[in-house]
Amino acid sequence: MRAGVSLAMVAPGSRSTPLALALAADDRIGVQVFHDERSAAFAALGVGVSTGRPAVVICTSGTAATHFHGAVVEAHLSGVPLIVCTADRPPELWDVGAPQTVDQTHLFGPAVRHFVEPGVPESIPTASWRSIGARLVVEALGASGRPGPVHANLSFRDPLVGIPADLPPGRDDLAPWHVAEAPDGAPAAADLAAVEALLEADGLIVAGAGAGAGAGEDEPVYRLARELGWPLLADHRSGLRTIRSIRHADSLLRDPEFAARFRPEVVLRVGESHTSKVLAQWVAPVAEQIVVSRHGAWSDPDRRATRIVRADPTAFATQLAERALVSRSRRAGQWQAADDLAGAALTRVLGERAASGAWSEPAVLRAALAAGEHLGSLVVASSMPVRDLEWFGQARDDVRVHANRGANGIDGTIATAIGIAALGEPTIVVLGDVAFLHDATSLSALADRDLDLTIVVVDNRGGGIFSFLPQRSLVADDRYETLFGTPHGTDLVALAASHGLDAAELPAGPLDDPADLRPSGVRVRVARCGDHDDNVAFHASLHAAVAEAIRDL
């Protein structure tokens, strides 16, 4: 707590009793209780995603600890700080058939930045306790490299309820026991010089999560793009998806003529990988590619990067833009003109579909992004919602967008949004019906939480994303439906209402006011969309409209 940890997610259990009682007894930390360990872990992940500071998640021993693994892997791959505390039976009960006992030593393998197993409290000197706690925080924050999850496996003997002794003395100034700064992210002179030598070419900047500092027009990456005359292709998670960036790159690059005409000579990639697969495939053949990552994460799935630069993207862009750069590229204006035409075409086709009285999946994402002036965060599932947002979402620079794209799983999507909303941030989460069912345990006791959270469910009766893949045309219809379409037959409104939640189906057609989705308390809204094949056809019509709009550019 001295190091800034202020929130804990607790999954009930017996062996973790000493931890739960200690947390609940201290008013410096907020405690949220979850019936399901997976929900608790993903909610703690949401806190780290939103704040950059770790939350604590605790559970009892046995299989309970294994349910943390999905969130640990996501935190590992996304570089999100997370403190995992698993309670355990004492060592004398290991490997002798004692109930509720599994091997929890290094349970999460190399996915954690730091692991500690100090033994039962009676066997270790109390003087080490503050050091153990403080190191968990600094390691989670990336003192040894990149932020991520840490794991403390904590054994307790019976009795589990007692009178706690005094803590060992802390530092007089209430400072944490250890302070260890993460690398400052300053770019190396050699990296700046090597990149500067490439900047006279025709190039572009691709921005993913972690690329921007949210500083408006003075944002360093914007300035660099402006100085170079390079287009900035930014996804929503970058914080740079505004009118100063190219918002419809995925749709533009689906047109073969445009893609061939505007292929760059140099690509500068800042932050994590861009969401668009089409964009990634388009830039893959480019000979000169520079990847700039805050913690040096190896973000090069196509193995084509010329140089991996370990530096904070904003610091890198600032110093590069100050070097009196010269570029012969004049393509930014052409990209912007095409982007404006694409945006107008998408708005027209989406409006025509809405006027017919039917919801479409892209329209649900647009409605959520437009929902009210005071929306803080939008969380989207890593299936179709994150893609629809990338392909068709409009610019909005006052909303933070989150998606669990480290491992790209759909598990824990609701719980992640709960963790973000628990910080007092009005939040909307958009997910498909399968992801909703996958995380249905997060609905337990959700009505009793003091949150402003709207859960928007795209109900297309199964796994709609598979309709876009070769399986749809290569597998017989009946087998496809069984293995991939996976209809569930669940009344989602009734399921949410059974948890005491304000649940309703969205009326067909355009919302009279997108603010109807504005987070106010906890609400669940279900949008019933067309069948899977109709959805694929509608997406194709949107891409075709963009291609037609830019044909004479």
Protein backbone atom coordinates (compact mmCIF):
# COMPACT_ATOMS: atom_id res chain seq x y z
CA MET A 1 0.00 0.00 0.00
CA ARG A 2 2.91 2.37 0.68
CA ALA A 3 3.97 1.71 -2.91
CA GLY A 4 0.61 2.82 -4.28
CA VAL A 5 -1.48 -0.35 -4.41
CA SER A 6 -5.05 0.65 -3.60
CA LEU A 7 -7.38 -2.09 -4.81
CA ALA A 8 -7.66 -5.84 -4.22
CA MET A 9 -9.87 -8.47 -5.85
CA VAL A 10 -10.72 -11.35 -3.53
CA ALA A 11 -12.06 -14.76 -4.51
CA PRO A 12 -13.50 -16.41 -1.38
CA GLY A 13 -11.80 -19.46 0.11
CA SER A 14 -10.53 -20.93 3.36
CA ARG A 15 -6.73 -21.12 3.00
CA SER A 16 -6.56 -17.45 1.96
CA THR A 17 -8.39 -16.31 5.11
CA PRO A 18 -5.39 -14.48 6.65
CA LEU A 19 -4.91 -12.48 3.45
CA ALA A 20 -8.59 -11.63 3.05
CA LEU A 21 -8.95 -10.51 6.68
CA ALA A 22 -5.80 -8.38 6.48
CA LEU A 23 -6.99 -6.60 3.35
CA ALA A 24 -10.53 -6.06 4.65
CA ALA A 25 -9.20 -4.62 7.92
CA ASP A 26 -7.19 -1.84 6.25
CA ASP A 27 -9.12 1.16 4.99
CA ARG A 28 -6.26 2.19 2.70
CA ILE A 29 -7.27 -0.44 0.19
CA GLY A 30 -10.57 -1.12 -1.56
CA VAL A 31 -11.73 -4.72 -1.64
CA GLN A 32 -13.95 -6.21 -4.35
CA VAL A 33 -15.20 -9.77 -3.88
CA PHE A 34 -15.78 -12.12 -6.84
CA HIS A 35 -17.39 -15.54 -6.75
CA ASP A 36 -15.18 -16.78 -9.58
CA GLU A 37 -11.37 -16.68 -9.58
CA ARG A 38 -11.13 -16.01 -13.30
CA SER A 39 -13.41 -12.98 -12.96
CA ALA A 40 -11.36 -11.68 -10.02
CA ALA A 41 -8.10 -11.98 -11.96
CA PHE A 42 -9.39 -10.25 -15.08
CA ALA A 43 -10.92 -7.47 -12.98
CA ALA A 44 -7.50 -6.90 -11.43
CA LEU A 45 -6.08 -6.90 -14.94
CA GLY A 46 -8.56 -4.15 -15.83
CA VAL A 47 -7.20 -1.98 -13.02
CA GLY A 48 -3.67 -2.39 -14.35
CA VAL A 49 -4.80 -1.69 -17.93
CA SER A 50 -6.51 1.54 -16.91
CA THR A 51 -4.05 2.95 -14.36
CA GLY A 52 -0.67 1.37 -15.07
CA ARG A 53 -0.60 0.40 -11.38
CA PRO A 54 -1.05 -3.15 -10.10
CA ALA A 55 -4.03 -4.44 -8.20
CA VAL A 56 -3.81 -7.49 -5.94
CA VAL A 57 -5.82 -10.64 -6.64
CA ILE A 58 -5.98 -13.44 -4.07
CA CYS A 59 -7.44 -16.93 -3.93
CA THR A 60 -7.36 -20.11 -1.91
CA SER A 61 -5.26 -23.18 -2.69
CA GLY A 62 -5.82 -25.92 -5.25
CA THR A 63 -7.58 -25.56 -8.60
CA ALA A 64 -8.66 -22.04 -7.61
CA ALA A 65 -5.15 -20.83 -8.39
CA THR A 66 -5.21 -22.37 -11.86
CA HIS A 67 -8.16 -20.17 -12.82
CA PHE A 68 -5.88 -17.11 -12.62
CA HIS A 69 -3.76 -18.38 -15.49
CA GLY A 70 -5.67 -16.74 -18.38
CA ALA A 71 -5.37 -13.28 -16.84
CA VAL A 72 -1.71 -13.89 -15.95
CA VAL A 73 -0.91 -14.78 -19.56
CA GLU A 74 -2.76 -11.71 -20.85
CA ALA A 75 -0.93 -9.47 -18.36
CA HIS A 76 2.37 -11.04 -19.40
CA LEU A 77 1.86 -10.51 -23.13
CA SER A 78 0.29 -7.04 -22.78
CA GLY A 79 2.80 -5.75 -20.22
CA VAL A 80 0.15 -5.03 -17.58
CA PRO A 81 1.17 -4.91 -13.88
CA LEU A 82 -0.65 -7.48 -11.72
CA ILE A 83 0.08 -8.94 -8.25
CA VAL A 84 -1.14 -12.51 -7.88
CA CYS A 85 -1.27 -13.99 -4.39
CA THR A 86 -2.21 -17.65 -4.17
CA ALA A 87 -2.70 -19.18 -0.75
CA ASP A 88 -1.24 -22.64 -0.25
CA ARG A 89 -1.14 -25.40 2.32
CA PRO A 90 2.12 -25.69 4.28
CA PRO A 91 4.97 -27.72 2.72
CA GLU A 92 4.43 -30.74 5.00
CA LEU A 93 1.08 -31.30 3.24
CA TRP A 94 2.49 -31.20 -0.28
CA ASP A 95 2.70 -34.38 -2.32
CA VAL A 96 1.05 -36.57 0.32
CA GLY A 97 -2.51 -36.61 -1.01
CA ALA A 98 -3.79 -33.76 1.15
CA PRO A 99 -7.08 -32.35 -0.14
CA GLN A 100 -7.21 -29.13 -2.18
CA THR A 101 -3.48 -29.28 -2.83
CA VAL A 102 -1.76 -28.95 -6.19
CA ASP A 103 1.79 -27.99 -7.11
CA GLN A 104 1.67 -24.20 -7.05
CA THR A 105 5.42 -23.59 -7.14
CA HIS A 106 6.13 -21.64 -10.33
CA LEU A 107 2.54 -22.38 -11.32
CA PHE A 108 2.54 -19.75 -14.06
CA GLY A 109 6.00 -20.57 -15.39
CA PRO A 110 7.88 -17.85 -17.29
CA ALA A 111 4.74 -15.71 -17.64
CA VAL A 112 5.55 -13.87 -14.40
CA ARG A 113 8.24 -11.24 -13.90
CA HIS A 114 8.97 -12.43 -10.35
CA PHE A 115 8.03 -15.41 -8.18
CA VAL A 116 8.37 -15.70 -4.41
CA GLU A 117 7.48 -18.56 -2.07
CA PRO A 118 8.60 -17.44 1.39
CA GLY A 119 7.21 -20.37 3.39
CA VAL A 120 4.79 -20.24 6.31
CA PRO A 121 4.90 -16.99 8.32
CA GLU A 122 6.24 -18.67 11.46
CA SER A 123 9.38 -19.91 9.68
CA ILE A 124 10.64 -16.66 8.20
CA PRO A 125 11.84 -13.52 9.98
CA THR A 126 9.25 -10.78 9.98
CA ALA A 127 11.95 -8.33 8.88
CA SER A 128 11.67 -9.75 5.36
CA TRP A 129 7.95 -9.12 4.97
CA ARG A 130 8.12 -5.50 3.84
CA SER A 131 10.89 -6.33 1.38
CA ILE A 132 8.80 -9.15 -0.12
CA GLY A 133 5.78 -6.89 -0.57
CA ALA A 134 7.73 -3.92 -1.92
CA ARG A 135 9.59 -6.05 -4.44
CA LEU A 136 6.33 -7.51 -5.76
CA VAL A 137 5.22 -3.98 -6.62
CA VAL A 138 8.43 -2.76 -8.26
CA GLU A 139 8.80 -5.96 -10.29
CA ALA A 140 5.17 -5.69 -11.46
CA LEU A 141 5.90 -2.12 -12.55
CA GLY A 142 8.83 -3.25 -14.70
CA ALA A 143 11.90 -2.49 -12.61
CA SER A 144 13.66 -5.43 -14.28
CA GLY A 145 12.45 -4.60 -17.77
CA ARG A 146 8.80 -4.70 -18.80
CA PRO A 147 5.73 -4.40 -16.50
CA GLY A 148 3.70 -7.55 -15.99
CA PRO A 149 2.38 -10.09 -13.48
CA VAL A 150 4.18 -11.25 -10.35
CA HIS A 151 3.29 -14.27 -8.22
CA ALA A 152 3.53 -14.82 -4.48
CA ASN A 153 2.64 -18.35 -3.34
CA LEU A 154 1.88 -17.99 0.36
CA SER A 155 1.56 -20.97 2.68
CA PHE A 156 -0.48 -20.84 5.88
CA ARG A 157 -0.92 -23.35 8.70
CA ASP A 158 -4.04 -23.75 10.81
CA PRO A 159 -5.52 -21.98 12.61
CA LEU A 160 -6.33 -19.57 9.80
CA VAL A 161 -8.21 -17.11 11.99
CA GLY A 162 -6.34 -15.43 14.81
CA ILE A 163 -5.09 -12.14 16.18
CA PRO A 164 -2.47 -10.63 13.87
CA ALA A 165 0.77 -9.45 15.39
CA ASP A 166 2.24 -6.05 14.69
CA LEU A 167 3.90 -5.53 11.35
CA PRO A 168 7.65 -5.03 11.38
CA PRO A 169 8.62 -1.34 11.53
CA GLY A 170 8.49 0.56 8.24
CA ARG A 171 10.50 3.50 7.04
CA ASP A 172 9.97 6.69 9.04
CA ASP A 173 8.77 8.73 6.06
CA LEU A 174 6.04 6.19 5.15
CA ALA A 175 7.93 5.39 1.96
CA PRO A 176 7.85 1.87 0.51
CA TRP A 177 10.67 -0.42 1.61
CA HIS A 178 12.16 -0.57 -1.90
CA VAL A 179 12.02 1.94 -4.73
CA ALA A 180 13.30 0.79 -8.10
CA GLU A 181 12.67 2.90 -11.16
CA ALA A 182 11.78 1.28 -14.45
CA PRO A 183 13.95 2.23 -17.45
CA ASP A 184 13.17 5.81 -18.50
CA GLY A 185 12.63 4.98 -22.15
CA ALA A 186 15.06 7.57 -23.50
CA PRO A 187 16.10 6.68 -27.07
CA ALA A 188 19.71 5.84 -27.79
CA ALA A 189 21.61 8.23 -30.06
CA ALA A 190 22.56 5.37 -32.37
CA ASP A 191 18.90 4.42 -32.83
CA LEU A 192 17.92 8.02 -33.62
CA ALA A 193 20.72 8.37 -36.15
CA ALA A 194 19.94 5.05 -37.84
CA VAL A 195 16.27 5.91 -38.24
CA GLU A 196 16.97 9.50 -39.34
CA ALA A 197 18.98 8.18 -42.27
CA LEU A 198 15.82 6.54 -43.67
CA LEU A 199 13.45 9.46 -43.36
CA GLU A 200 13.94 11.05 -46.78
CA ALA A 201 12.01 8.18 -48.30
CA ASP A 202 8.27 7.80 -48.76
CA GLY A 203 7.07 6.38 -45.49
CA LEU A 204 4.27 6.11 -43.02
CA ILE A 205 3.78 5.71 -39.28
CA VAL A 206 1.74 2.85 -37.83
CA ALA A 207 0.59 3.32 -34.23
CA GLY A 208 -0.72 0.66 -31.86
CA ALA A 209 -1.48 0.56 -28.15
CA GLY A 210 0.99 2.53 -26.06
CA ALA A 211 2.02 4.82 -28.91
CA GLY A 212 0.52 8.08 -27.70
CA ALA A 213 0.52 10.24 -24.61
CA GLY A 214 -2.87 11.83 -25.31
CA ALA A 215 -1.49 15.38 -25.53
CA GLY A 216 -3.80 16.72 -28.23
CA GLU A 217 -2.33 18.49 -31.25
CA ASP A 218 1.06 18.71 -29.51
CA GLU A 219 1.28 14.92 -29.22
CA PRO A 220 4.86 14.09 -30.35
CA VAL A 221 3.80 11.36 -32.79
CA TYR A 222 1.40 13.80 -34.50
CA ARG A 223 4.19 16.35 -34.73
CA LEU A 224 6.60 13.83 -36.23
CA ALA A 225 4.06 12.76 -38.85
CA ARG A 226 3.41 16.40 -39.70
CA GLU A 227 7.13 17.23 -40.00
CA LEU A 228 7.71 14.28 -42.32
CA GLY A 229 4.54 14.58 -44.34
CA TRP A 230 3.90 10.92 -43.56
CA PRO A 231 0.40 9.55 -42.95
CA LEU A 232 -0.30 8.27 -39.44
CA LEU A 233 -2.27 5.02 -39.39
CA ALA A 234 -3.49 4.63 -35.80
CA ASP A 235 -5.72 2.04 -34.20
CA HIS A 236 -8.16 2.95 -31.45
CA ARG A 237 -6.02 1.58 -28.61
CA SER A 238 -3.13 3.88 -29.52
CA GLY A 239 -4.86 7.00 -28.20
CA LEU A 240 -4.07 8.63 -31.56
CA ARG A 241 -7.19 7.68 -33.54
CA THR A 242 -8.47 11.21 -34.16
CA ILE A 243 -9.13 13.51 -37.12
CA ARG A 244 -5.35 14.01 -37.26
CA SER A 245 -4.81 10.36 -38.20
CA ILE A 246 -5.97 7.97 -40.91
CA ARG A 247 -9.08 6.32 -39.47
CA HIS A 248 -10.09 3.91 -42.23
CA ALA A 249 -6.79 2.35 -43.29
CA ASP A 250 -8.15 -1.19 -43.20
CA SER A 251 -10.97 -0.35 -45.63
CA LEU A 252 -8.71 1.69 -47.90
CA LEU A 253 -6.11 -1.07 -48.15
CA ARG A 254 -8.70 -3.64 -49.19
CA ASP A 255 -8.80 -1.84 -52.54
CA PRO A 256 -5.96 -3.39 -54.61
CA GLU A 257 -5.32 -0.24 -56.68
CA PHE A 258 -5.00 1.98 -53.62
CA ALA A 259 -2.82 -0.57 -51.81
CA ALA A 260 -0.43 -0.87 -54.77
CA ARG A 261 -0.24 2.86 -55.39
CA PHE A 262 0.54 3.87 -51.81
CA ARG A 263 2.90 1.14 -50.66
CA PRO A 264 5.68 2.89 -48.67
CA GLU A 265 9.44 2.53 -48.71
CA VAL A 266 9.77 2.86 -44.93
CA VAL A 267 7.42 1.93 -42.10
CA LEU A 268 7.88 3.32 -38.59
CA ARG A 269 5.85 1.21 -36.14
CA VAL A 270 5.31 2.68 -32.67
CA GLY A 271 3.69 0.87 -29.75
CA GLU A 272 2.15 -2.56 -30.03
CA SER A 273 1.02 -4.16 -33.26
CA HIS A 274 -1.86 -2.46 -35.07
CA THR A 275 -5.18 -4.30 -34.83
CA SER A 276 -5.69 -4.58 -38.60
CA LYS A 277 -4.57 -7.84 -40.20
CA VAL A 278 -4.98 -6.29 -43.65
CA LEU A 279 -2.56 -3.51 -42.72
CA ALA A 280 -0.05 -5.98 -41.28
CA GLN A 281 -0.08 -8.06 -44.47
CA TRP A 282 0.27 -4.94 -46.62
CA VAL A 283 3.39 -3.61 -44.85
CA ALA A 284 5.03 -7.04 -44.41
CA PRO A 285 6.99 -6.88 -47.71
CA VAL A 286 8.37 -3.38 -47.01
CA ALA A 287 12.15 -3.68 -46.74
CA GLU A 288 12.77 -0.98 -44.14
CA GLN A 289 10.74 -1.32 -40.93
CA ILE A 290 11.54 0.20 -37.55
CA VAL A 291 9.71 -0.92 -34.42
CA VAL A 292 9.71 1.45 -31.43
CA SER A 293 8.54 -0.15 -28.17
CA ARG A 294 8.60 1.32 -24.67
CA HIS A 295 10.03 -1.81 -23.09
CA GLY A 296 11.68 -3.39 -26.08
CA ALA A 297 8.98 -6.00 -26.56
CA TRP A 298 9.66 -8.01 -29.69
CA SER A 299 6.65 -6.94 -31.75
CA ASP A 300 7.56 -8.32 -35.16
CA PRO A 301 5.30 -11.27 -36.05
CA ASP A 302 6.32 -11.14 -39.72
CA ARG A 303 10.04 -11.11 -38.80
CA ARG A 304 10.72 -8.20 -41.16
CA ALA A 305 11.82 -5.43 -38.79
CA THR A 306 15.11 -3.77 -39.72
CA ARG A 307 15.62 -2.37 -36.23
CA ILE A 308 13.98 -2.90 -32.85
CA VAL A 309 14.25 0.30 -30.80
CA ARG A 310 13.75 0.19 -27.05
CA ALA A 311 12.41 3.63 -26.23
CA ASP A 312 9.29 5.42 -25.13
CA PRO A 313 7.45 6.25 -28.39
CA THR A 314 6.67 9.82 -27.31
CA ALA A 315 10.28 10.50 -26.28
CA PHE A 316 11.51 8.93 -29.50
CA ALA A 317 9.13 10.99 -31.66
CA THR A 318 9.99 14.19 -29.78
CA GLN A 319 13.72 13.85 -30.29
CA LEU A 320 13.39 12.73 -33.89
CA ALA A 321 11.09 15.63 -34.76
CA GLU A 322 13.62 18.09 -33.34
CA ARG A 323 16.31 17.08 -35.85
CA ALA A 324 15.21 19.37 -38.68
CA LEU A 325 13.97 16.45 -40.72
CA VAL A 326 13.53 16.48 -44.47
CA SER A 327 11.28 14.12 -46.37
CA ARG A 328 10.33 13.99 -50.02
CA SER A 329 7.02 12.34 -49.18
CA ARG A 330 3.88 14.26 -50.11
CA ARG A 331 1.41 11.46 -49.61
CA ALA A 332 -0.16 12.48 -46.32
CA GLY A 333 -2.63 14.80 -48.04
CA GLN A 334 -3.68 12.10 -50.49
CA TRP A 335 -4.18 9.63 -47.69
CA GLN A 336 -6.29 12.17 -45.81
CA ALA A 337 -8.48 12.85 -48.84
CA ALA A 338 -9.06 9.13 -49.30
CA ASP A 339 -9.79 8.72 -45.61
CA ASP A 340 -12.45 11.44 -45.71
CA LEU A 341 -14.13 9.83 -48.72
CA ALA A 342 -14.06 6.44 -46.98
CA GLY A 343 -15.63 7.87 -43.84
CA ALA A 344 -18.46 9.48 -45.80
CA ALA A 345 -19.16 6.25 -47.70
CA LEU A 346 -19.27 4.17 -44.52
CA THR A 347 -21.61 6.63 -42.81
CA ARG A 348 -23.96 6.54 -45.79
CA VAL A 349 -24.19 2.74 -46.02
CA LEU A 350 -24.52 2.29 -42.27
CA GLY A 351 -27.27 4.92 -42.24
CA GLU A 352 -29.18 3.14 -44.99
CA ARG A 353 -29.00 -0.14 -43.07
CA ALA A 354 -30.15 1.53 -39.85
CA ALA A 355 -33.07 3.19 -41.66
CA SER A 356 -34.30 -0.27 -42.66
CA GLY A 357 -34.88 -1.05 -38.98
CA ALA A 358 -32.15 -3.65 -38.53
CA TRP A 359 -29.10 -3.65 -36.31
CA SER A 360 -25.73 -4.41 -37.81
CA GLU A 361 -22.64 -5.34 -35.86
CA PRO A 362 -20.63 -2.31 -37.05
CA ALA A 363 -23.55 -0.04 -36.07
CA VAL A 364 -23.48 -1.42 -32.50
CA LEU A 365 -19.83 -0.43 -32.16
CA ARG A 366 -20.49 3.03 -33.56
CA ALA A 367 -23.40 3.54 -31.19
CA ALA A 368 -21.28 2.50 -28.21
CA LEU A 369 -18.44 4.83 -29.18
CA ALA A 370 -20.90 7.72 -29.56
CA ALA A 371 -22.67 7.02 -26.25
CA GLY A 372 -22.72 10.21 -24.26
CA GLU A 373 -20.34 13.01 -23.44
CA HIS A 374 -19.01 11.47 -20.26
CA LEU A 375 -17.97 8.02 -21.40
CA GLY A 376 -14.53 7.27 -19.97
CA SER A 377 -13.53 3.90 -21.41
CA LEU A 378 -14.73 1.54 -24.09
CA VAL A 379 -13.76 -2.12 -23.72
CA VAL A 380 -14.18 -4.38 -26.75
CA ALA A 381 -13.88 -8.14 -26.99
CA SER A 382 -10.99 -9.55 -29.00
CA SER A 383 -13.21 -11.18 -31.60
CA MET A 384 -15.45 -9.25 -34.01
CA PRO A 385 -15.98 -6.14 -31.81
CA VAL A 386 -12.32 -5.09 -31.87
CA ARG A 387 -12.25 -5.63 -35.63
CA ASP A 388 -15.49 -3.74 -36.29
CA LEU A 389 -14.19 -0.87 -34.19
CA GLU A 390 -10.95 -0.81 -36.20
CA TRP A 391 -12.67 -1.08 -39.55
CA PHE A 392 -15.63 1.24 -39.06
CA GLY A 393 -15.28 3.15 -35.77
CA GLN A 394 -15.32 6.93 -35.96
CA ALA A 395 -12.73 9.17 -34.30
CA ARG A 396 -13.21 10.15 -30.68
CA ASP A 397 -10.26 11.52 -28.75
CA ASP A 398 -11.89 11.69 -25.32
CA VAL A 399 -12.51 7.96 -24.89
CA ARG A 400 -9.90 5.39 -23.93
CA VAL A 401 -10.24 2.10 -25.80
CA HIS A 402 -9.13 -1.19 -24.27
CA ALA A 403 -9.00 -4.74 -25.60
CA ASN A 404 -7.16 -7.78 -24.27
CA ARG A 405 -4.90 -8.16 -27.29
CA GLY A 406 -1.92 -9.76 -25.60
CA ALA A 407 -3.28 -13.26 -26.06
CA ASN A 408 -6.39 -12.15 -28.02
CA GLY A 409 -8.68 -14.30 -25.88
CA ILE A 410 -12.35 -13.56 -25.22
CA ASP A 411 -12.31 -14.82 -21.64
CA GLY A 412 -12.69 -12.27 -18.88
CA THR A 413 -13.97 -9.44 -21.08
CA ILE A 414 -16.76 -8.41 -18.70
CA ALA A 415 -14.47 -8.79 -15.69
CA THR A 416 -11.83 -6.57 -17.30
CA ALA A 417 -14.47 -3.88 -17.78
CA ILE A 418 -15.59 -4.30 -14.15
CA GLY A 419 -12.03 -3.64 -12.99
CA ILE A 420 -11.86 -0.45 -15.06
CA ALA A 421 -15.29 0.72 -13.89
CA ALA A 422 -14.32 -0.01 -10.26
CA LEU A 423 -11.92 2.92 -10.53
CA GLY A 424 -14.91 5.25 -10.95
CA GLU A 425 -14.62 5.45 -14.74
CA PRO A 426 -17.90 5.30 -16.74
CA THR A 427 -17.36 2.28 -18.97
CA ILE A 428 -19.05 0.49 -21.84
CA VAL A 429 -18.06 -3.02 -22.84
CA VAL A 430 -19.11 -4.47 -26.20
CA LEU A 431 -18.85 -8.20 -26.73
CA GLY A 432 -20.49 -11.00 -28.66
CA ASP A 433 -22.93 -13.50 -27.24
CA VAL A 434 -20.31 -16.26 -26.98
CA ALA A 435 -17.92 -13.99 -25.05
CA PHE A 436 -20.84 -12.92 -22.84
CA LEU A 437 -21.67 -16.54 -21.98
CA HIS A 438 -17.97 -17.33 -21.52
CA ASP A 439 -17.77 -14.71 -18.77
CA ALA A 440 -21.28 -15.10 -17.33
CA THR A 441 -19.91 -15.80 -13.84
CA SER A 442 -18.84 -12.15 -13.71
CA LEU A 443 -22.54 -11.24 -13.55
CA SER A 444 -22.77 -12.73 -10.05
CA ALA A 445 -23.43 -9.96 -7.50
CA LEU A 446 -22.73 -7.39 -10.21
CA ALA A 447 -25.99 -5.60 -9.41
CA ASP A 448 -24.65 -4.84 -5.93
CA ARG A 449 -21.49 -3.12 -7.18
CA ASP A 450 -21.43 0.67 -7.25
CA LEU A 451 -20.39 1.00 -10.89
CA ASP A 452 -21.34 2.91 -14.00
CA LEU A 453 -21.10 0.10 -16.54
CA THR A 454 -23.11 -0.72 -19.63
CA ILE A 455 -22.67 -4.20 -21.12
CA VAL A 456 -23.65 -4.25 -24.78
CA VAL A 457 -24.06 -7.74 -26.22
CA VAL A 458 -24.06 -8.37 -29.97
CA ASP A 459 -26.36 -11.36 -30.25
CA ASN A 460 -25.81 -13.16 -33.54
CA ARG A 461 -26.59 -16.56 -32.00
CA GLY A 462 -23.13 -18.08 -31.96
CA GLY A 463 -19.59 -17.69 -33.24
CA GLY A 464 -20.05 -15.11 -35.97
CA ILE A 465 -16.35 -14.43 -36.49
CA PHE A 466 -15.81 -17.88 -38.04
CA SER A 467 -18.05 -16.87 -40.95
CA PHE A 468 -15.21 -14.68 -42.19
CA LEU A 469 -12.75 -17.58 -42.25
CA PRO A 470 -12.20 -20.35 -44.83
CA GLN A 471 -14.01 -22.84 -42.58
CA ARG A 472 -17.34 -21.34 -43.66
CA SER A 473 -16.94 -22.25 -47.33
CA LEU A 474 -14.86 -25.39 -46.95
CA VAL A 475 -16.86 -27.22 -44.27
CA ALA A 476 -20.34 -28.66 -44.83
CA ASP A 477 -23.15 -26.52 -43.36
CA ASP A 478 -24.29 -28.93 -40.67
CA ARG A 479 -20.77 -29.67 -39.46
CA TYR A 480 -19.85 -25.98 -39.66
CA GLU A 481 -22.79 -25.03 -37.42
CA THR A 482 -21.89 -27.72 -34.90
CA LEU A 483 -18.17 -26.93 -34.66
CA PHE A 484 -18.00 -23.20 -35.40
CA GLY A 485 -21.45 -21.57 -35.59
CA THR A 486 -22.19 -23.00 -32.11
CA PRO A 487 -25.77 -21.74 -31.60
CA HIS A 488 -26.50 -21.63 -27.86
CA GLY A 489 -30.25 -21.02 -27.57
CA THR A 490 -29.81 -18.84 -24.48
CA ASP A 491 -32.11 -15.91 -23.71
CA LEU A 492 -29.39 -13.39 -22.86
CA VAL A 493 -31.77 -10.77 -21.50
CA ALA A 494 -33.33 -13.32 -19.15
CA LEU A 495 -29.88 -14.52 -18.08
CA ALA A 496 -28.80 -11.01 -17.13
CA ALA A 497 -32.13 -10.27 -15.45
CA SER A 498 -31.78 -13.44 -13.34
CA HIS A 499 -28.77 -11.72 -11.73
CA GLY A 500 -30.93 -8.75 -10.80
CA LEU A 501 -29.51 -6.55 -13.54
CA ASP A 502 -31.32 -3.90 -15.57
CA ALA A 503 -31.47 -5.88 -18.82
CA ALA A 504 -33.32 -5.18 -22.07
CA GLU A 505 -33.13 -5.69 -25.80
CA LEU A 506 -32.14 -2.65 -27.85
CA PRO A 507 -34.98 -1.55 -30.12
CA ALA A 508 -34.47 -2.28 -33.80
CA GLY A 509 -33.11 0.51 -35.94
CA PRO A 510 -31.02 3.55 -35.00
CA LEU A 511 -31.08 4.74 -31.40
CA ASP A 512 -32.95 8.00 -30.91
CA ASP A 513 -30.03 9.10 -28.77
CA PRO A 514 -26.73 7.18 -28.47
CA ALA A 515 -26.62 8.44 -24.90
CA ASP A 516 -29.23 5.74 -24.18
CA LEU A 517 -26.18 3.48 -23.76
CA ARG A 518 -24.44 5.90 -21.42
CA PRO A 519 -23.17 4.10 -18.31
CA SER A 520 -25.44 4.85 -15.36
CA GLY A 521 -25.43 2.07 -12.81
CA VAL A 522 -25.04 -1.41 -14.27
CA ARG A 523 -27.07 -2.17 -17.36
CA VAL A 524 -27.12 -4.92 -19.98
CA ARG A 525 -28.36 -4.16 -23.48
CA VAL A 526 -28.69 -6.84 -26.15
CA ALA A 527 -28.63 -5.96 -29.86
CA ARG A 528 -30.03 -8.73 -32.03
CA CYS A 529 -28.21 -8.77 -35.36
CA GLY A 530 -28.73 -10.75 -38.56
CA ASP A 531 -27.48 -14.22 -39.30
CA HIS A 532 -23.81 -14.91 -39.90
CA ASP A 533 -23.91 -14.98 -43.69
CA ASP A 534 -25.87 -11.73 -43.82
CA ASN A 535 -23.24 -10.14 -41.56
CA VAL A 536 -20.42 -11.20 -43.91
CA ALA A 537 -22.32 -9.82 -46.91
CA PHE A 538 -22.95 -6.49 -45.15
CA HIS A 539 -19.28 -6.14 -44.25
CA ALA A 540 -18.42 -6.78 -47.89
CA SER A 541 -20.83 -4.06 -48.98
CA LEU A 542 -19.14 -1.57 -46.66
CA HIS A 543 -15.70 -2.36 -48.07
CA ALA A 544 -17.10 -2.13 -51.61
CA ALA A 545 -18.57 1.29 -50.87
CA VAL A 546 -15.14 2.54 -49.78
CA ALA A 547 -13.49 1.15 -52.91
CA GLU A 548 -16.08 2.91 -55.08
CA ALA A 549 -15.69 6.19 -53.20
CA ILE A 550 -11.93 6.39 -53.79
CA ARG A 551 -11.91 5.06 -57.35
CA ASP A 552 -11.29 8.44 -58.98
CA LEU A 553 -8.95 9.81 -56.33
